[in-house]
Each structure stands twice: as structure tokens, then as C-alpha cells.
């Protein structure tokens, strides 16, 4: 049960990160390095979700 709760938490963080990235991309003057960092964090979340799901 704890693992499924952790997975749901990771999926929510991944979804929230996706929305934050989309919003940042629409904003003028967004820092490219910050955006790249956000994308890397989103990728790490996805990798952890995949690893725990298998």
C-alpha cells in the first residue's frame, strides 16, 4: 500500500511539473537554464515512476 501511495505522489508531482513547464514556456523572458532544470526534474520523476512500476 505504501508503494502505491508513493507512486501516486510521484505521478502528481510529474503532472504538476508538466503544467509548470507549459506555463513557463508561455511566459516571456523565462530563464532557459531554469526551464532546462525543470525538464530534467520532470524526466527524473518519470524515470522513477517507470522504475517503481515495473
PDB file of N, CA and C in Angstrom:
ATOM      1  N   UNK A   1       0.820  -1.200   0.000  1.00  0.00           N
ATOM      2  CA  UNK A   1       0.000   0.000   0.000  1.00  0.00           C
ATOM      3  C   UNK A   1       0.862   1.261   0.000  1.00  0.00           C
ATOM      4  N   UNK A   2       1.949   1.233   0.721  1.00  0.00           N
ATOM      5  CA  UNK A   2       2.818   2.406   0.782  1.00  0.00           C
ATOM      6  C   UNK A   2       3.421   2.720  -0.578  1.00  0.00           C
ATOM      7  N   UNK A   3       3.753   1.671  -1.340  1.00  0.00           N
ATOM      8  CA  UNK A   3       4.343   1.881  -2.662  1.00  0.00           C
ATOM      9  C   UNK A   3       3.351   2.547  -3.608  1.00  0.00           C
ATOM     10  N   UNK A   4       2.093   2.111  -3.573  1.00  0.00           N
ATOM     11  CA  UNK A   4       1.099   2.718  -4.466  1.00  0.00           C
ATOM     12  C   UNK A   4       0.869   4.183  -4.099  1.00  0.00           C
ATOM     13  N   UNK A   5       0.913   4.496  -2.818  1.00  0.00           N
ATOM     14  CA  UNK A   5       0.782   5.891  -2.396  1.00  0.00           C
ATOM     15  C   UNK A   5       1.952   6.729  -2.866  1.00  0.00           C
ATOM     16  N   UNK A   6       3.147   6.157  -2.793  1.00  0.00           N
ATOM     17  CA  UNK A   6       4.344   6.857  -3.261  1.00  0.00           C
ATOM     18  C   UNK A   6       4.270   7.083  -4.773  1.00  0.00           C
ATOM     19  N   UNK A   7       3.812   6.067  -5.509  1.00  0.00           N
ATOM     20  CA  UNK A   7       3.671   6.208  -6.961  1.00  0.00           C
ATOM     21  C   UNK A   7       2.674   7.310  -7.314  1.00  0.00           C
ATOM     22  N   UNK A   8       1.557   7.345  -6.604  1.00  0.00           N
ATOM     23  CA  UNK A   8       0.561   8.387  -6.864  1.00  0.00           C
ATOM     24  C   UNK A   8       1.137   9.768  -6.583  1.00  0.00           C
ATOM     25  N   UNK A   9       1.925   9.884  -5.541  1.00  0.00           N
ATOM     26  CA  UNK A   9       2.563  11.150  -5.211  1.00  0.00           C
ATOM     27  C   UNK A   9       3.529  11.580  -6.323  1.00  0.00           C
ATOM     28  N   UNK A  10       4.308  10.621  -6.813  1.00  0.00           N
ATOM     29  CA  UNK A  10       5.243  10.924  -7.901  1.00  0.00           C
ATOM     30  C   UNK A  10       4.499  11.338  -9.171  1.00  0.00           C
ATOM     31  N   UNK A  11       3.406  10.642  -9.463  1.00  0.00           N
ATOM     32  CA  UNK A  11       2.614  10.972 -10.661  1.00  0.00           C
ATOM     33  C   UNK A  11       2.029  12.375 -10.546  1.00  0.00           C
ATOM     34  N   UNK A  12       1.586  12.754  -9.354  1.00  0.00           N
ATOM     35  CA  UNK A  12       1.052  14.106  -9.163  1.00  0.00           C
ATOM     36  C   UNK A  12       2.149  15.145  -9.343  1.00  0.00           C
ATOM     37  N   UNK A  13       3.325  14.880  -8.780  1.00  0.00           N
ATOM     38  CA  UNK A  13       4.448  15.808  -8.949  1.00  0.00           C
ATOM     39  C   UNK A  13       4.809  15.942 -10.426  1.00  0.00           C
ATOM     40  N   UNK A  14       4.792  14.817 -11.162  1.00  0.00           N
ATOM     41  CA  UNK A  14       5.107  14.825 -12.593  1.00  0.00           C
ATOM     42  C   UNK A  14       4.086  15.670 -13.349  1.00  0.00           C
ATOM     43  N   UNK A  15       2.818  15.483 -13.025  1.00  0.00           N
ATOM     44  CA  UNK A  15       1.754  16.258 -13.677  1.00  0.00           C
ATOM     45  C   UNK A  15       1.901  17.751 -13.361  1.00  0.00           C
ATOM     46  N   UNK A  16       2.146  18.063 -12.094  1.00  0.00           N
ATOM     47  CA  UNK A  16       2.326  19.463 -11.691  1.00  0.00           C
ATOM     48  C   UNK A  16       3.527  20.092 -12.391  1.00  0.00           C
ATOM     49  N   UNK A  17       4.604  19.310 -12.537  1.00  0.00           N
ATOM     50  CA  UNK A  17       5.801  19.805 -13.211  1.00  0.00           C
ATOM     51  C   UNK A  17       5.498  20.075 -14.692  1.00  0.00           C
ATOM     52  N   UNK A  18       4.716  19.203 -15.315  1.00  0.00           N
ATOM     53  CA  UNK A  18       4.329  19.407 -16.716  1.00  0.00           C
ATOM     54  C   UNK A  18       3.592  20.726 -16.878  1.00  0.00           C
ATOM     55  N   UNK A  19       2.660  20.985 -15.981  1.00  0.00           N
ATOM     56  CA  UNK A  19       1.906  22.235 -16.051  1.00  0.00           C
ATOM     57  C   UNK A  19       2.802  23.444 -15.819  1.00  0.00           C
ATOM     58  N   UNK A  20       3.727  23.339 -14.884  1.00  0.00           N
ATOM     59  CA  UNK A  20       4.639  24.449 -14.596  1.00  0.00           C
ATOM     60  C   UNK A  20       5.537  24.736 -15.807  1.00  0.00           C
ATOM     61  N   UNK A  21       5.990  23.676 -16.475  1.00  0.00           N
ATOM     62  CA  UNK A  21       6.834  23.845 -17.666  1.00  0.00           C
ATOM     63  C   UNK A  21       6.046  24.518 -18.774  1.00  0.00           C
ATOM     64  N   UNK A  22       4.811  24.055 -19.003  1.00  0.00           N
ATOM     65  CA  UNK A  22       3.982  24.672 -20.043  1.00  0.00           C
ATOM     66  C   UNK A  22       3.753  26.152 -19.755  1.00  0.00           C
ATOM     67  N   UNK A  23       3.472  26.482 -18.505  1.00  0.00           N
ATOM     68  CA  UNK A  23       3.244  27.875 -18.134  1.00  0.00           C
ATOM     69  C   UNK A  23       4.521  28.694 -18.331  1.00  0.00           C
ATOM     70  N   UNK A  24       5.659  28.149 -17.952  1.00  0.00           N
ATOM     71  CA  UNK A  24       6.931  28.862 -18.094  1.00  0.00           C
ATOM     72  C   UNK A  24       7.251  29.105 -19.570  1.00  0.00           C
ATOM     73  N   UNK A  25       6.936  28.123 -20.417  1.00  0.00           N
ATOM     74  CA  UNK A  25       7.229  28.279 -21.841  1.00  0.00           C
ATOM     75  C   UNK A  25       6.368  29.371 -22.471  1.00  0.00           C
ATOM     76  N   UNK A  26       5.196  29.607 -21.923  1.00  0.00           N
ATOM     77  CA  UNK A  26       4.313  30.649 -22.453  1.00  0.00           C
ATOM     78  C   UNK A  26       4.681  32.033 -21.933  1.00  0.00           C
ATOM     79  N   UNK A  27       5.472  32.081 -20.869  1.00  0.00           N
ATOM     80  CA  UNK A  27       5.834  33.364 -20.268  1.00  0.00           C
ATOM     81  C   UNK A  27       7.027  33.975 -21.003  1.00  0.00           C
ATOM     82  N   UNK A  28       6.921  35.261 -21.309  1.00  0.00           N
ATOM     83  CA  UNK A  28       8.064  35.917 -21.944  1.00  0.00           C
ATOM     84  C   UNK A  28       9.208  36.086 -20.947  1.00  0.00           C
ATOM     85  N   UNK A  29      10.403  35.944 -21.431  1.00  0.00           N
ATOM     86  CA  UNK A  29      11.576  36.184 -20.600  1.00  0.00           C
ATOM     87  C   UNK A  29      11.894  35.082 -19.605  1.00  0.00           C
ATOM     88  N   UNK A  30      11.394  33.891 -19.859  1.00  0.00           N
ATOM     89  CA  UNK A  30      11.687  32.790 -18.943  1.00  0.00           C
ATOM     90  C   UNK A  30      13.153  32.390 -19.096  1.00  0.00           C
ATOM     91  N   UNK A  31      13.786  32.081 -17.986  1.00  0.00           N
ATOM     92  CA  UNK A  31      15.192  31.692 -17.982  1.00  0.00           C
ATOM     93  C   UNK A  31      15.347  30.303 -18.595  1.00  0.00           C
ATOM     94  N   UNK A  32      16.134  30.199 -19.638  1.00  0.00           N
ATOM     95  CA  UNK A  32      16.351  28.929 -20.326  1.00  0.00           C
ATOM     96  C   UNK A  32      16.966  27.862 -19.440  1.00  0.00           C
ATOM     97  N   UNK A  33      17.872  28.276 -18.553  1.00  0.00           N
ATOM     98  CA  UNK A  33      18.502  27.309 -17.648  1.00  0.00           C
ATOM     99  C   UNK A  33      17.498  26.775 -16.632  1.00  0.00           C
ATOM    100  N   UNK A  34      16.636  27.649 -16.150  1.00  0.00           N
ATOM    101  CA  UNK A  34      15.613  27.219 -15.195  1.00  0.00           C
ATOM    102  C   UNK A  34      14.645  26.245 -15.873  1.00  0.00           C
ATOM    103  N   UNK A  35      14.268  26.547 -17.103  1.00  0.00           N
ATOM    104  CA  UNK A  35      13.368  25.673 -17.859  1.00  0.00           C
ATOM    105  C   UNK A  35      14.020  24.310 -18.091  1.00  0.00           C
ATOM    106  N   UNK A  36      15.288  24.302 -18.447  1.00  0.00           N
ATOM    107  CA  UNK A  36      16.003  23.041 -18.652  1.00  0.00           C
ATOM    108  C   UNK A  36      16.072  22.238 -17.358  1.00  0.00           C
ATOM    109  N   UNK A  37      16.273  22.920 -16.253  1.00  0.00           N
ATOM    110  CA  UNK A  37      16.314  22.254 -14.950  1.00  0.00           C
ATOM    111  C   UNK A  37      14.967  21.632 -14.621  1.00  0.00           C
ATOM    112  N   UNK A  38      13.900  22.344 -14.909  1.00  0.00           N
ATOM    113  CA  UNK A  38      12.554  21.824 -14.664  1.00  0.00           C
ATOM    114  C   UNK A  38      12.294  20.577 -15.508  1.00  0.00           C
ATOM    115  N   UNK A  39      12.739  20.620 -16.753  1.00  0.00           N
ATOM    116  CA  UNK A  39      12.542  19.471 -17.647  1.00  0.00           C
ATOM    117  C   UNK A  39      13.335  18.259 -17.166  1.00  0.00           C
ATOM    118  N   UNK A  40      14.544  18.492 -16.669  1.00  0.00           N
ATOM    119  CA  UNK A  40      15.348  17.384 -16.132  1.00  0.00           C
ATOM    120  C   UNK A  40      14.685  16.787 -14.897  1.00  0.00           C
ATOM    121  N   UNK A  41      14.146  17.644 -14.048  1.00  0.00           N
ATOM    122  CA  UNK A  41      13.464  17.161 -12.849  1.00  0.00           C
ATOM    123  C   UNK A  41      12.238  16.329 -13.242  1.00  0.00           C
ATOM    124  N   UNK A  42      11.508  16.787 -14.245  1.00  0.00           N
ATOM    125  CA  UNK A  42      10.342  16.048 -14.732  1.00  0.00           C
ATOM    126  C   UNK A  42      10.777  14.682 -15.272  1.00  0.00           C
ATOM    127  N   UNK A  43      11.885  14.645 -15.989  1.00  0.00           N
ATOM    128  CA  UNK A  43      12.386  13.389 -16.541  1.00  0.00           C
ATOM    129  C   UNK A  43      12.793  12.427 -15.419  1.00  0.00           C
ATOM    130  N   UNK A  44      13.435  12.953 -14.388  1.00  0.00           N
ATOM    131  CA  UNK A  44      13.813  12.094 -13.257  1.00  0.00           C
ATOM    132  C   UNK A  44      12.581  11.511 -12.569  1.00  0.00           C
ATOM    133  N   UNK A  45      11.540  12.318 -12.440  1.00  0.00           N
ATOM    134  CA  UNK A  45      10.298  11.814 -11.861  1.00  0.00           C
ATOM    135  C   UNK A  45       9.724  10.689 -12.711  1.00  0.00           C
ATOM    136  N   UNK A  46       9.706  10.896 -14.022  1.00  0.00           N
ATOM    137  CA  UNK A  46       9.175   9.879 -14.933  1.00  0.00           C
ATOM    138  C   UNK A  46       9.993   8.596 -14.846  1.00  0.00           C
ATOM    139  N   UNK A  47      11.313   8.725 -14.787  1.00  0.00           N
ATOM    140  CA  UNK A  47      12.167   7.541 -14.680  1.00  0.00           C
ATOM    141  C   UNK A  47      11.905   6.780 -13.379  1.00  0.00           C
ATOM    142  N   UNK A  48      11.710   7.502 -12.280  1.00  0.00           N
ATOM    143  CA  UNK A  48      11.436   6.845 -11.005  1.00  0.00           C
ATOM    144  C   UNK A  48      10.071   6.165 -11.026  1.00  0.00           C
ATOM    145  N   UNK A  49       9.083   6.824 -11.636  1.00  0.00           N
ATOM    146  CA  UNK A  49       7.758   6.220 -11.758  1.00  0.00           C
ATOM    147  C   UNK A  49       7.856   4.925 -12.553  1.00  0.00           C
ATOM    148  N   UNK A  50       8.578   4.955 -13.664  1.00  0.00           N
ATOM    149  CA  UNK A  50       8.737   3.764 -14.507  1.00  0.00           C
ATOM    150  C   UNK A  50       9.460   2.655 -13.747  1.00  0.00           C
ATOM    151  N   UNK A  51      10.502   3.016 -13.032  1.00  0.00           N
ATOM    152  CA  UNK A  51      11.289   2.033 -12.297  1.00  0.00           C
ATOM    153  C   UNK A  51      10.451   1.355 -11.207  1.00  0.00           C
ATOM    154  N   UNK A  52       9.652   2.127 -10.506  1.00  0.00           N
ATOM    155  CA  UNK A  52       8.830   1.582  -9.424  1.00  0.00           C
ATOM    156  C   UNK A  52       7.617   0.814  -9.946  1.00  0.00           C
ATOM    157  N   UNK A  53       7.181   1.140 -11.156  1.00  0.00           N
ATOM    158  CA  UNK A  53       6.012   0.473 -11.727  1.00  0.00           C
ATOM    159  C   UNK A  53       6.333  -0.923 -12.256  1.00  0.00           C
ATOM    160  N   UNK A  54       7.587  -1.155 -12.578  1.00  0.00           N
ATOM    161  CA  UNK A  54       7.969  -2.460 -13.157  1.00  0.00           C
ATOM    162  C   UNK A  54       8.107  -3.531 -12.112  1.00  0.00           C
TER     163      UNK A  54
END
